[in-house]
């Protein structure tokens, strides 16, 4: 898959470094779960399971001047091979921009395959 991310920093008051973070998320999985009463539930329905970072950076890629286009927006491109263990119909990518100092998240996008 190829993912093109465009970041438009609209608040000039944000002066800390920003990072773009990209996660592969599996929508659902039925599997064993240890319950709060310590019993096993073999048919538990797990939801939104983070499976990977598209670029291997769990806390994101810091945006730099090299990522900035002539129009003042940041551009980051990813290419990623979906592992055979995951079905595109049961997965999505979550992309978000966060402040590297405060860890405040400014924008989140969920992108289905």
PDB file of N, CA and C in Angstrom:
ATOM      1  N   UNK A   1       0.843  -1.167   0.000  1.00  0.00           N
ATOM      2  CA  UNK A   1       0.000   0.000   0.000  1.00  0.00           C
ATOM      3  C   UNK A   1       0.889   1.231   0.000  1.00  0.00           C
ATOM      4  N   UNK A   2       0.387   2.290  -0.536  1.00  0.00           N
ATOM      5  CA  UNK A   2       1.075   3.571  -0.537  1.00  0.00           C
ATOM      6  C   UNK A   2       0.169   4.562   0.167  1.00  0.00           C
ATOM      7  N   UNK A   3       0.725   5.283   1.131  1.00  0.00           N
ATOM      8  CA  UNK A   3      -0.047   6.256   1.910  1.00  0.00           C
ATOM      9  C   UNK A   3       0.624   7.613   1.798  1.00  0.00           C
ATOM     10  N   UNK A   4      -0.138   8.594   1.379  1.00  0.00           N
ATOM     11  CA  UNK A   4       0.348   9.973   1.251  1.00  0.00           C
ATOM     12  C   UNK A   4      -0.322  10.794   2.350  1.00  0.00           C
ATOM     13  N   UNK A   5       0.485  11.385   3.237  1.00  0.00           N
ATOM     14  CA  UNK A   5      -0.041  12.176   4.348  1.00  0.00           C
ATOM     15  C   UNK A   5       0.310  13.641   4.114  1.00  0.00           C
ATOM     16  N   UNK A   6      -0.702  14.494   4.226  1.00  0.00           N
ATOM     17  CA  UNK A   6      -0.516  15.937   4.087  1.00  0.00           C
ATOM     18  C   UNK A   6      -0.913  16.587   5.404  1.00  0.00           C
ATOM     19  N   UNK A   7      -0.005  17.353   5.984  1.00  0.00           N
ATOM     20  CA  UNK A   7      -0.258  18.010   7.271  1.00  0.00           C
ATOM     21  C   UNK A   7      -0.227  19.512   7.056  1.00  0.00           C
ATOM     22  N   UNK A   8      -1.316  20.159   7.408  1.00  0.00           N
ATOM     23  CA  UNK A   8      -1.425  21.611   7.299  1.00  0.00           C
ATOM     24  C   UNK A   8      -1.497  22.179   8.712  1.00  0.00           C
ATOM     25  N   UNK A   9      -0.408  22.773   9.164  1.00  0.00           N
ATOM     26  CA  UNK A   9      -0.356  23.352  10.515  1.00  0.00           C
ATOM     27  C   UNK A   9      -1.067  24.703  10.460  1.00  0.00           C
ATOM     28  N   UNK A  10      -2.277  24.745  11.019  1.00  0.00           N
ATOM     29  CA  UNK A  10      -3.090  25.955  10.894  1.00  0.00           C
ATOM     30  C   UNK A  10      -2.961  26.885  12.100  1.00  0.00           C
ATOM     31  N   UNK A  11      -2.340  26.430  13.191  1.00  0.00           N
ATOM     32  CA  UNK A  11      -2.172  27.259  14.379  1.00  0.00           C
ATOM     33  C   UNK A  11      -0.699  27.642  14.521  1.00  0.00           C
ATOM     34  N   UNK A  12      -0.372  28.870  14.187  1.00  0.00           N
ATOM     35  CA  UNK A  12       1.021  29.341  14.271  1.00  0.00           C
ATOM     36  C   UNK A  12       1.520  29.375  15.710  1.00  0.00           C
ATOM     37  N   UNK A  13       0.603  29.308  16.675  1.00  0.00           N
ATOM     38  CA  UNK A  13       0.981  29.307  18.087  1.00  0.00           C
ATOM     39  C   UNK A  13       1.599  27.994  18.545  1.00  0.00           C
ATOM     40  N   UNK A  14       1.449  26.956  17.751  1.00  0.00           N
ATOM     41  CA  UNK A  14       2.062  25.659  18.071  1.00  0.00           C
ATOM     42  C   UNK A  14       3.513  25.728  17.625  1.00  0.00           C
ATOM     43  N   UNK A  15       4.430  25.754  18.595  1.00  0.00           N
ATOM     44  CA  UNK A  15       5.852  25.902  18.266  1.00  0.00           C
ATOM     45  C   UNK A  15       6.671  24.658  18.578  1.00  0.00           C
ATOM     46  N   UNK A  16       6.101  23.705  19.303  1.00  0.00           N
ATOM     47  CA  UNK A  16       6.816  22.458  19.588  1.00  0.00           C
ATOM     48  C   UNK A  16       6.909  21.612  18.325  1.00  0.00           C
ATOM     49  N   UNK A  17       7.855  20.681  18.329  1.00  0.00           N
ATOM     50  CA  UNK A  17       7.959  19.740  17.217  1.00  0.00           C
ATOM     51  C   UNK A  17       6.671  18.929  17.111  1.00  0.00           C
ATOM     52  N   UNK A  18       6.278  18.630  15.883  1.00  0.00           N
ATOM     53  CA  UNK A  18       5.117  17.796  15.615  1.00  0.00           C
ATOM     54  C   UNK A  18       5.586  16.475  15.034  1.00  0.00           C
ATOM     55  N   UNK A  19       4.806  15.437  15.282  1.00  0.00           N
ATOM     56  CA  UNK A  19       5.106  14.123  14.719  1.00  0.00           C
ATOM     57  C   UNK A  19       3.862  13.592  14.046  1.00  0.00           C
ATOM     58  N   UNK A  20       4.064  12.857  12.958  1.00  0.00           N
ATOM     59  CA  UNK A  20       2.979  12.137  12.316  1.00  0.00           C
ATOM     60  C   UNK A  20       3.173  10.661  12.672  1.00  0.00           C
ATOM     61  N   UNK A  21       2.085  10.039  13.138  1.00  0.00           N
ATOM     62  CA  UNK A  21       2.126   8.658  13.613  1.00  0.00           C
ATOM     63  C   UNK A  21       1.157   7.845  12.765  1.00  0.00           C
ATOM     64  N   UNK A  22       1.592   6.652  12.367  1.00  0.00           N
ATOM     65  CA  UNK A  22       0.746   5.802  11.519  1.00  0.00           C
ATOM     66  C   UNK A  22       0.737   4.381  12.067  1.00  0.00           C
ATOM     67  N   UNK A  23      -0.442   3.879  12.386  1.00  0.00           N
ATOM     68  CA  UNK A  23      -0.599   2.529  12.929  1.00  0.00           C
ATOM     69  C   UNK A  23      -1.490   1.678  12.030  1.00  0.00           C
ATOM     70  N   UNK A  24      -1.115   0.417  11.896  1.00  0.00           N
ATOM     71  CA  UNK A  24      -1.993  -0.587  11.303  1.00  0.00           C
ATOM     72  C   UNK A  24      -2.844  -1.147  12.434  1.00  0.00           C
ATOM     73  N   UNK A  25      -4.155  -1.134  12.264  1.00  0.00           N
ATOM     74  CA  UNK A  25      -5.087  -1.596  13.297  1.00  0.00           C
ATOM     75  C   UNK A  25      -5.969  -2.690  12.715  1.00  0.00           C
ATOM     76  N   UNK A  26      -6.028  -3.808  13.414  1.00  0.00           N
ATOM     77  CA  UNK A  26      -6.949  -4.888  13.045  1.00  0.00           C
ATOM     78  C   UNK A  26      -8.293  -4.573  13.678  1.00  0.00           C
ATOM     79  N   UNK A  27      -9.356  -4.593  12.885  1.00  0.00           N
ATOM     80  CA  UNK A  27     -10.683  -4.205  13.374  1.00  0.00           C
ATOM     81  C   UNK A  27     -11.191  -5.114  14.488  1.00  0.00           C
ATOM     82  N   UNK A  28     -11.114  -6.430  14.260  1.00  0.00           N
ATOM     83  CA  UNK A  28     -11.653  -7.345  15.263  1.00  0.00           C
ATOM     84  C   UNK A  28     -11.010  -8.717  15.140  1.00  0.00           C
ATOM     85  N   UNK A  29     -11.098  -9.455  16.240  1.00  0.00           N
ATOM     86  CA  UNK A  29     -10.527 -10.797  16.316  1.00  0.00           C
ATOM     87  C   UNK A  29     -11.237 -11.544  17.429  1.00  0.00           C
ATOM     88  N   UNK A  30     -11.647 -12.760  17.157  1.00  0.00           N
ATOM     89  CA  UNK A  30     -12.228 -13.603  18.200  1.00  0.00           C
ATOM     90  C   UNK A  30     -11.123 -14.542  18.666  1.00  0.00           C
ATOM     91  N   UNK A  31     -10.795 -14.427  19.967  1.00  0.00           N
ATOM     92  CA  UNK A  31      -9.684 -15.210  20.520  1.00  0.00           C
ATOM     93  C   UNK A  31      -9.846 -15.308  22.034  1.00  0.00           C
ATOM     94  N   UNK A  32      -8.987 -16.089  22.647  1.00  0.00           N
ATOM     95  CA  UNK A  32      -9.000 -16.302  24.094  1.00  0.00           C
ATOM     96  C   UNK A  32      -8.781 -14.984  24.838  1.00  0.00           C
ATOM     97  N   UNK A  33      -9.500 -14.825  25.956  1.00  0.00           N
ATOM     98  CA  UNK A  33      -9.331 -13.663  26.829  1.00  0.00           C
ATOM     99  C   UNK A  33      -9.498 -14.120  28.276  1.00  0.00           C
ATOM    100  N   UNK A  34      -8.557 -13.744  29.125  1.00  0.00           N
ATOM    101  CA  UNK A  34      -8.687 -13.984  30.559  1.00  0.00           C
ATOM    102  C   UNK A  34      -9.592 -12.898  31.119  1.00  0.00           C
ATOM    103  N   UNK A  35     -10.675 -13.295  31.760  1.00  0.00           N
ATOM    104  CA  UNK A  35     -11.677 -12.359  32.256  1.00  0.00           C
ATOM    105  C   UNK A  35     -11.316 -11.889  33.664  1.00  0.00           C
ATOM    106  N   UNK A  36     -12.011 -10.882  34.146  1.00  0.00           N
ATOM    107  CA  UNK A  36     -11.708 -10.301  35.463  1.00  0.00           C
ATOM    108  C   UNK A  36     -11.941 -11.287  36.607  1.00  0.00           C
ATOM    109  N   UNK A  37     -12.800 -12.281  36.402  1.00  0.00           N
ATOM    110  CA  UNK A  37     -13.015 -13.303  37.434  1.00  0.00           C
ATOM    111  C   UNK A  37     -12.039 -14.472  37.289  1.00  0.00           C
ATOM    112  N   UNK A  38     -11.010 -14.277  36.412  1.00  0.00           N
ATOM    113  CA  UNK A  38      -9.943 -15.255  36.141  1.00  0.00           C
ATOM    114  C   UNK A  38     -10.411 -16.479  35.340  1.00  0.00           C
ATOM    115  N   UNK A  39     -11.612 -16.399  34.782  1.00  0.00           N
ATOM    116  CA  UNK A  39     -12.062 -17.465  33.884  1.00  0.00           C
ATOM    117  C   UNK A  39     -11.562 -17.166  32.469  1.00  0.00           C
ATOM    118  N   UNK A  40     -11.513 -18.211  31.658  1.00  0.00           N
ATOM    119  CA  UNK A  40     -11.120 -18.060  30.253  1.00  0.00           C
ATOM    120  C   UNK A  40     -12.357 -17.938  29.381  1.00  0.00           C
ATOM    121  N   UNK A  41     -12.323 -17.007  28.464  1.00  0.00           N
ATOM    122  CA  UNK A  41     -13.389 -16.873  27.476  1.00  0.00           C
ATOM    123  C   UNK A  41     -12.760 -17.109  26.100  1.00  0.00           C
ATOM    124  N   UNK A  42     -12.952 -18.309  25.507  1.00  0.00           N
ATOM    125  CA  UNK A  42     -12.313 -18.633  24.231  1.00  0.00           C
ATOM    126  C   UNK A  42     -12.922 -17.888  23.037  1.00  0.00           C
ATOM    127  N   UNK A  43     -14.092 -17.278  23.210  1.00  0.00           N
ATOM    128  CA  UNK A  43     -14.788 -16.616  22.109  1.00  0.00           C
ATOM    129  C   UNK A  43     -14.903 -15.105  22.312  1.00  0.00           C
ATOM    130  N   UNK A  44     -13.926 -14.530  23.000  1.00  0.00           N
ATOM    131  CA  UNK A  44     -13.967 -13.090  23.275  1.00  0.00           C
ATOM    132  C   UNK A  44     -13.764 -12.302  21.980  1.00  0.00           C
ATOM    133  N   UNK A  45     -14.537 -11.249  21.802  1.00  0.00           N
ATOM    134  CA  UNK A  45     -14.460 -10.415  20.607  1.00  0.00           C
ATOM    135  C   UNK A  45     -13.572  -9.203  20.898  1.00  0.00           C
ATOM    136  N   UNK A  46     -12.323  -9.264  20.475  1.00  0.00           N
ATOM    137  CA  UNK A  46     -11.369  -8.159  20.635  1.00  0.00           C
ATOM    138  C   UNK A  46     -11.634  -7.132  19.531  1.00  0.00           C
ATOM    139  N   UNK A  47     -11.435  -5.866  19.848  1.00  0.00           N
ATOM    140  CA  UNK A  47     -11.679  -4.780  18.885  1.00  0.00           C
ATOM    141  C   UNK A  47     -10.462  -3.855  18.806  1.00  0.00           C
ATOM    142  N   UNK A  48     -10.224  -3.308  17.620  1.00  0.00           N
ATOM    143  CA  UNK A  48      -9.216  -2.275  17.383  1.00  0.00           C
ATOM    144  C   UNK A  48      -7.865  -2.623  17.994  1.00  0.00           C
ATOM    145  N   UNK A  49      -7.223  -3.610  17.414  1.00  0.00           N
ATOM    146  CA  UNK A  49      -5.948  -4.142  17.913  1.00  0.00           C
ATOM    147  C   UNK A  49      -4.814  -3.511  17.110  1.00  0.00           C
ATOM    148  N   UNK A  50      -3.950  -2.752  17.775  1.00  0.00           N
ATOM    149  CA  UNK A  50      -2.805  -2.147  17.093  1.00  0.00           C
ATOM    150  C   UNK A  50      -1.827  -3.258  16.762  1.00  0.00           C
ATOM    151  N   UNK A  51      -1.509  -3.392  15.466  1.00  0.00           N
ATOM    152  CA  UNK A  51      -0.659  -4.489  15.008  1.00  0.00           C
ATOM    153  C   UNK A  51       0.730  -4.044  14.575  1.00  0.00           C
ATOM    154  N   UNK A  52       0.878  -2.803  14.105  1.00  0.00           N
ATOM    155  CA  UNK A  52       2.177  -2.383  13.584  1.00  0.00           C
ATOM    156  C   UNK A  52       2.197  -0.870  13.425  1.00  0.00           C
ATOM    157  N   UNK A  53       3.398  -0.329  13.321  1.00  0.00           N
ATOM    158  CA  UNK A  53       3.613   1.060  12.918  1.00  0.00           C
ATOM    159  C   UNK A  53       4.085   1.008  11.469  1.00  0.00           C
ATOM    160  N   UNK A  54       3.511   1.792  10.616  1.00  0.00           N
ATOM    161  CA  UNK A  54       3.866   1.715   9.202  1.00  0.00           C
ATOM    162  C   UNK A  54       5.334   2.027   8.956  1.00  0.00           C
ATOM    163  N   UNK A  55       5.925   2.865   9.801  1.00  0.00           N
ATOM    164  CA  UNK A  55       7.335   3.209   9.619  1.00  0.00           C
ATOM    165  C   UNK A  55       8.220   2.702  10.756  1.00  0.00           C
ATOM    166  N   UNK A  56       7.650   1.893  11.663  1.00  0.00           N
ATOM    167  CA  UNK A  56       8.434   1.349  12.773  1.00  0.00           C
ATOM    168  C   UNK A  56       8.684   2.319  13.907  1.00  0.00           C
ATOM    169  N   UNK A  57       8.068   3.476  13.872  1.00  0.00           N
ATOM    170  CA  UNK A  57       8.277   4.507  14.905  1.00  0.00           C
ATOM    171  C   UNK A  57       7.002   4.663  15.731  1.00  0.00           C
ATOM    172  N   UNK A  58       6.960   4.017  16.870  1.00  0.00           N
ATOM    173  CA  UNK A  58       5.744   3.999  17.694  1.00  0.00           C
ATOM    174  C   UNK A  58       5.304   5.391  18.129  1.00  0.00           C
ATOM    175  N   UNK A  59       6.251   6.312  18.264  1.00  0.00           N
ATOM    176  CA  UNK A  59       5.906   7.665  18.705  1.00  0.00           C
ATOM    177  C   UNK A  59       6.005   8.670  17.566  1.00  0.00           C
ATOM    178  N   UNK A  60       6.049   8.164  16.357  1.00  0.00           N
ATOM    179  CA  UNK A  60       5.936   9.008  15.187  1.00  0.00           C
ATOM    180  C   UNK A  60       7.222   9.543  14.620  1.00  0.00           C
ATOM    181  N   UNK A  61       7.069  10.064  13.429  1.00  0.00           N
ATOM    182  CA  UNK A  61       8.166  10.704  12.706  1.00  0.00           C
ATOM    183  C   UNK A  61       8.051  12.207  12.917  1.00  0.00           C
ATOM    184  N   UNK A  62       9.105  12.806  13.429  1.00  0.00           N
ATOM    185  CA  UNK A  62       9.109  14.251  13.649  1.00  0.00           C
ATOM    186  C   UNK A  62       9.120  14.958  12.299  1.00  0.00           C
ATOM    187  N   UNK A  63       8.213  15.889  12.133  1.00  0.00           N
ATOM    188  CA  UNK A  63       8.152  16.663  10.898  1.00  0.00           C
ATOM    189  C   UNK A  63       9.279  17.686  10.900  1.00  0.00           C
ATOM    190  N   UNK A  64       9.969  17.784   9.767  1.00  0.00           N
ATOM    191  CA  UNK A  64      11.098  18.712   9.640  1.00  0.00           C
ATOM    192  C   UNK A  64      10.884  19.610   8.426  1.00  0.00           C
ATOM    193  N   UNK A  65      11.758  20.585   8.272  1.00  0.00           N
ATOM    194  CA  UNK A  65      11.689  21.496   7.127  1.00  0.00           C
ATOM    195  C   UNK A  65      11.808  20.728   5.812  1.00  0.00           C
ATOM    196  N   UNK A  66      12.519  19.600   5.833  1.00  0.00           N
ATOM    197  CA  UNK A  66      12.671  18.794   4.617  1.00  0.00           C
ATOM    198  C   UNK A  66      11.339  18.194   4.165  1.00  0.00           C
ATOM    199  N   UNK A  67      10.384  18.069   5.066  1.00  0.00           N
ATOM    200  CA  UNK A  67       9.060  17.515   4.739  1.00  0.00           C
ATOM    201  C   UNK A  67       8.094  18.577   4.224  1.00  0.00           C
ATOM    202  N   UNK A  68       8.500  19.861   4.292  1.00  0.00           N
ATOM    203  CA  UNK A  68       7.594  20.952   3.956  1.00  0.00           C
ATOM    204  C   UNK A  68       7.639  21.270   2.466  1.00  0.00           C
ATOM    205  N   UNK A  69       6.455  21.395   1.900  1.00  0.00           N
ATOM    206  CA  UNK A  69       6.334  21.782   0.501  1.00  0.00           C
ATOM    207  C   UNK A  69       6.359  23.291   0.350  1.00  0.00           C
ATOM    208  N   UNK A  70       6.345  23.756  -0.887  1.00  0.00           N
ATOM    209  CA  UNK A  70       6.372  25.193  -1.181  1.00  0.00           C
ATOM    210  C   UNK A  70       5.149  25.926  -0.652  1.00  0.00           C
ATOM    211  N   UNK A  71       4.064  25.193  -0.426  1.00  0.00           N
ATOM    212  CA  UNK A  71       2.817  25.807   0.037  1.00  0.00           C
ATOM    213  C   UNK A  71       2.710  25.854   1.563  1.00  0.00           C
ATOM    214  N   UNK A  72       3.771  25.457   2.281  1.00  0.00           N
ATOM    215  CA  UNK A  72       3.766  25.511   3.745  1.00  0.00           C
ATOM    216  C   UNK A  72       3.165  24.296   4.418  1.00  0.00           C
ATOM    217  N   UNK A  73       2.756  23.303   3.644  1.00  0.00           N
ATOM    218  CA  UNK A  73       2.225  22.066   4.216  1.00  0.00           C
ATOM    219  C   UNK A  73       3.326  21.012   4.257  1.00  0.00           C
ATOM    220  N   UNK A  74       3.200  20.103   5.222  1.00  0.00           N
ATOM    221  CA  UNK A  74       4.139  18.989   5.336  1.00  0.00           C
ATOM    222  C   UNK A  74       3.604  17.803   4.537  1.00  0.00           C
ATOM    223  N   UNK A  75       4.530  17.065   3.904  1.00  0.00           N
ATOM    224  CA  UNK A  75       4.158  15.881   3.131  1.00  0.00           C
ATOM    225  C   UNK A  75       5.044  14.720   3.547  1.00  0.00           C
ATOM    226  N   UNK A  76       4.396  13.602   3.891  1.00  0.00           N
ATOM    227  CA  UNK A  76       5.123  12.392   4.265  1.00  0.00           C
ATOM    228  C   UNK A  76       4.478  11.230   3.519  1.00  0.00           C
ATOM    229  N   UNK A  77       5.300  10.428   2.880  1.00  0.00           N
ATOM    230  CA  UNK A  77       4.811   9.276   2.126  1.00  0.00           C
ATOM    231  C   UNK A  77       5.294   7.985   2.775  1.00  0.00           C
ATOM    232  N   UNK A  78       4.429   6.995   2.754  1.00  0.00           N
ATOM    233  CA  UNK A  78       4.738   5.680   3.310  1.00  0.00           C
ATOM    234  C   UNK A  78       4.425   4.627   2.270  1.00  0.00           C
ATOM    235  N   UNK A  79       5.233   3.599   2.230  1.00  0.00           N
ATOM    236  CA  UNK A  79       4.845   2.408   1.496  1.00  0.00           C
ATOM    237  C   UNK A  79       4.926   1.265   2.491  1.00  0.00           C
ATOM    238  N   UNK A  80       3.949   0.381   2.429  1.00  0.00           N
ATOM    239  CA  UNK A  80       3.814  -0.654   3.445  1.00  0.00           C
ATOM    240  C   UNK A  80       3.212  -1.898   2.810  1.00  0.00           C
ATOM    241  N   UNK A  81       3.767  -3.028   3.139  1.00  0.00           N
ATOM    242  CA  UNK A  81       3.232  -4.310   2.676  1.00  0.00           C
ATOM    243  C   UNK A  81       2.402  -4.908   3.805  1.00  0.00           C
ATOM    244  N   UNK A  82       1.117  -5.078   3.575  1.00  0.00           N
ATOM    245  CA  UNK A  82       0.235  -5.669   4.577  1.00  0.00           C
ATOM    246  C   UNK A  82       0.618  -7.132   4.765  1.00  0.00           C
ATOM    247  N   UNK A  83       1.014  -7.535   5.985  1.00  0.00           N
ATOM    248  CA  UNK A  83       1.367  -8.935   6.208  1.00  0.00           C
ATOM    249  C   UNK A  83       0.206  -9.866   5.865  1.00  0.00           C
ATOM    250  N   UNK A  84       0.531 -11.046   5.373  1.00  0.00           N
ATOM    251  CA  UNK A  84      -0.476 -12.017   4.937  1.00  0.00           C
ATOM    252  C   UNK A  84      -1.430 -12.423   6.057  1.00  0.00           C
ATOM    253  N   UNK A  85      -1.012 -12.270   7.303  1.00  0.00           N
ATOM    254  CA  UNK A  85      -1.853 -12.655   8.443  1.00  0.00           C
ATOM    255  C   UNK A  85      -3.082 -11.757   8.599  1.00  0.00           C
ATOM    256  N   UNK A  86      -3.099 -10.601   7.934  1.00  0.00           N
ATOM    257  CA  UNK A  86      -4.204  -9.650   8.100  1.00  0.00           C
ATOM    258  C   UNK A  86      -4.962  -9.478   6.791  1.00  0.00           C
ATOM    259  N   UNK A  87      -6.274  -9.431   6.907  1.00  0.00           N
ATOM    260  CA  UNK A  87      -7.139  -9.238   5.750  1.00  0.00           C
ATOM    261  C   UNK A  87      -7.459  -7.750   5.608  1.00  0.00           C
ATOM    262  N   UNK A  88      -7.331  -7.197   4.412  1.00  0.00           N
ATOM    263  CA  UNK A  88      -7.618  -5.771   4.228  1.00  0.00           C
ATOM    264  C   UNK A  88      -9.031  -5.385   4.666  1.00  0.00           C
ATOM    265  N   UNK A  89      -9.990  -6.309   4.539  1.00  0.00           N
ATOM    266  CA  UNK A  89     -11.376  -6.015   4.931  1.00  0.00           C
ATOM    267  C   UNK A  89     -11.528  -5.903   6.447  1.00  0.00           C
ATOM    268  N   UNK A  90     -10.536  -6.371   7.200  1.00  0.00           N
ATOM    269  CA  UNK A  90     -10.611  -6.384   8.657  1.00  0.00           C
ATOM    270  C   UNK A  90      -9.474  -5.557   9.265  1.00  0.00           C
ATOM    271  N   UNK A  91      -9.062  -4.512   8.542  1.00  0.00           N
ATOM    272  CA  UNK A  91      -7.965  -3.680   9.038  1.00  0.00           C
ATOM    273  C   UNK A  91      -8.129  -2.256   8.517  1.00  0.00           C
ATOM    274  N   UNK A  92      -7.461  -1.343   9.185  1.00  0.00           N
ATOM    275  CA  UNK A  92      -7.429   0.046   8.739  1.00  0.00           C
ATOM    276  C   UNK A  92      -6.149   0.692   9.250  1.00  0.00           C
ATOM    277  N   UNK A  93      -5.889   1.879   8.769  1.00  0.00           N
ATOM    278  CA  UNK A  93      -4.740   2.646   9.223  1.00  0.00           C
ATOM    279  C   UNK A  93      -5.265   3.841  10.016  1.00  0.00           C
ATOM    280  N   UNK A  94      -4.607   4.123  11.136  1.00  0.00           N
ATOM    281  CA  UNK A  94      -4.900   5.316  11.916  1.00  0.00           C
ATOM    282  C   UNK A  94      -3.694   6.242  11.770  1.00  0.00           C
ATOM    283  N   UNK A  95      -3.962   7.474  11.357  1.00  0.00           N
ATOM    284  CA  UNK A  95      -2.918   8.469  11.173  1.00  0.00           C
ATOM    285  C   UNK A  95      -3.246   9.628  12.096  1.00  0.00           C
ATOM    286  N   UNK A  96      -2.256  10.077  12.872  1.00  0.00           N
ATOM    287  CA  UNK A  96      -2.506  11.256  13.692  1.00  0.00           C
ATOM    288  C   UNK A  96      -1.263  12.110  13.808  1.00  0.00           C
ATOM    289  N   UNK A  97      -1.502  13.386  14.113  1.00  0.00           N
ATOM    290  CA  UNK A  97      -0.428  14.350  14.333  1.00  0.00           C
ATOM    291  C   UNK A  97      -0.459  14.718  15.801  1.00  0.00           C
ATOM    292  N   UNK A  98       0.743  14.682  16.413  1.00  0.00           N
ATOM    293  CA  UNK A  98       0.796  15.011  17.843  1.00  0.00           C
ATOM    294  C   UNK A  98       1.963  15.933  18.141  1.00  0.00           C
ATOM    295  N   UNK A  99       1.832  16.652  19.233  1.00  0.00           N
ATOM    296  CA  UNK A  99       2.874  17.516  19.773  1.00  0.00           C
ATOM    297  C   UNK A  99       3.899  16.621  20.457  1.00  0.00           C
ATOM    298  N   UNK A 100       5.153  16.694  20.053  1.00  0.00           N
ATOM    299  CA  UNK A 100       6.188  15.812  20.606  1.00  0.00           C
ATOM    300  C   UNK A 100       6.516  16.125  22.061  1.00  0.00           C
ATOM    301  N   UNK A 101       6.220  17.333  22.529  1.00  0.00           N
ATOM    302  CA  UNK A 101       6.531  17.705  23.914  1.00  0.00           C
ATOM    303  C   UNK A 101       5.361  17.371  24.835  1.00  0.00           C
ATOM    304  N   UNK A 102       4.181  17.856  24.510  1.00  0.00           N
ATOM    305  CA  UNK A 102       3.013  17.660  25.385  1.00  0.00           C
ATOM    306  C   UNK A 102       2.270  16.361  25.098  1.00  0.00           C
ATOM    307  N   UNK A 103       2.534  15.752  23.948  1.00  0.00           N
ATOM    308  CA  UNK A 103       1.868  14.550  23.448  1.00  0.00           C
ATOM    309  C   UNK A 103       0.377  14.771  23.171  1.00  0.00           C
ATOM    310  N   UNK A 104      -0.016  16.038  23.047  1.00  0.00           N
ATOM    311  CA  UNK A 104      -1.385  16.354  22.651  1.00  0.00           C
ATOM    312  C   UNK A 104      -1.588  15.921  21.204  1.00  0.00           C
ATOM    313  N   UNK A 105      -2.714  15.284  20.946  1.00  0.00           N
ATOM    314  CA  UNK A 105      -3.045  14.840  19.599  1.00  0.00           C
ATOM    315  C   UNK A 105      -3.948  15.902  18.970  1.00  0.00           C
ATOM    316  N   UNK A 106      -3.541  16.372  17.791  1.00  0.00           N
ATOM    317  CA  UNK A 106      -4.259  17.457  17.126  1.00  0.00           C
ATOM    318  C   UNK A 106      -5.284  16.986  16.107  1.00  0.00           C
ATOM    319  N   UNK A 107      -4.982  15.934  15.386  1.00  0.00           N
ATOM    320  CA  UNK A 107      -5.890  15.479  14.341  1.00  0.00           C
ATOM    321  C   UNK A 107      -5.712  13.972  14.161  1.00  0.00           C
ATOM    322  N   UNK A 108      -6.824  13.259  13.956  1.00  0.00           N
ATOM    323  CA  UNK A 108      -6.791  11.818  13.740  1.00  0.00           C
ATOM    324  C   UNK A 108      -7.617  11.492  12.503  1.00  0.00           C
ATOM    325  N   UNK A 109      -7.088  10.597  11.687  1.00  0.00           N
ATOM    326  CA  UNK A 109      -7.821  10.107  10.515  1.00  0.00           C
ATOM    327  C   UNK A 109      -7.768   8.584  10.531  1.00  0.00           C
ATOM    328  N   UNK A 110      -8.921   7.974  10.310  1.00  0.00           N
ATOM    329  CA  UNK A 110      -9.004   6.530  10.130  1.00  0.00           C
ATOM    330  C   UNK A 110      -9.187   6.289   8.642  1.00  0.00           C
ATOM    331  N   UNK A 111      -8.289   5.490   8.069  1.00  0.00           N
ATOM    332  CA  UNK A 111      -8.353   5.204   6.631  1.00  0.00           C
ATOM    333  C   UNK A 111      -8.511   3.713   6.409  1.00  0.00           C
ATOM    334  N   UNK A 112      -9.654   3.317   5.854  1.00  0.00           N
ATOM    335  CA  UNK A 112      -9.871   1.918   5.507  1.00  0.00           C
ATOM    336  C   UNK A 112      -9.074   1.586   4.256  1.00  0.00           C
ATOM    337  N   UNK A 113      -8.836   0.293   4.048  1.00  0.00           N
ATOM    338  CA  UNK A 113      -8.160  -0.161   2.832  1.00  0.00           C
ATOM    339  C   UNK A 113      -9.137  -0.196   1.692  1.00  0.00           C
TER     340      UNK A 113
END
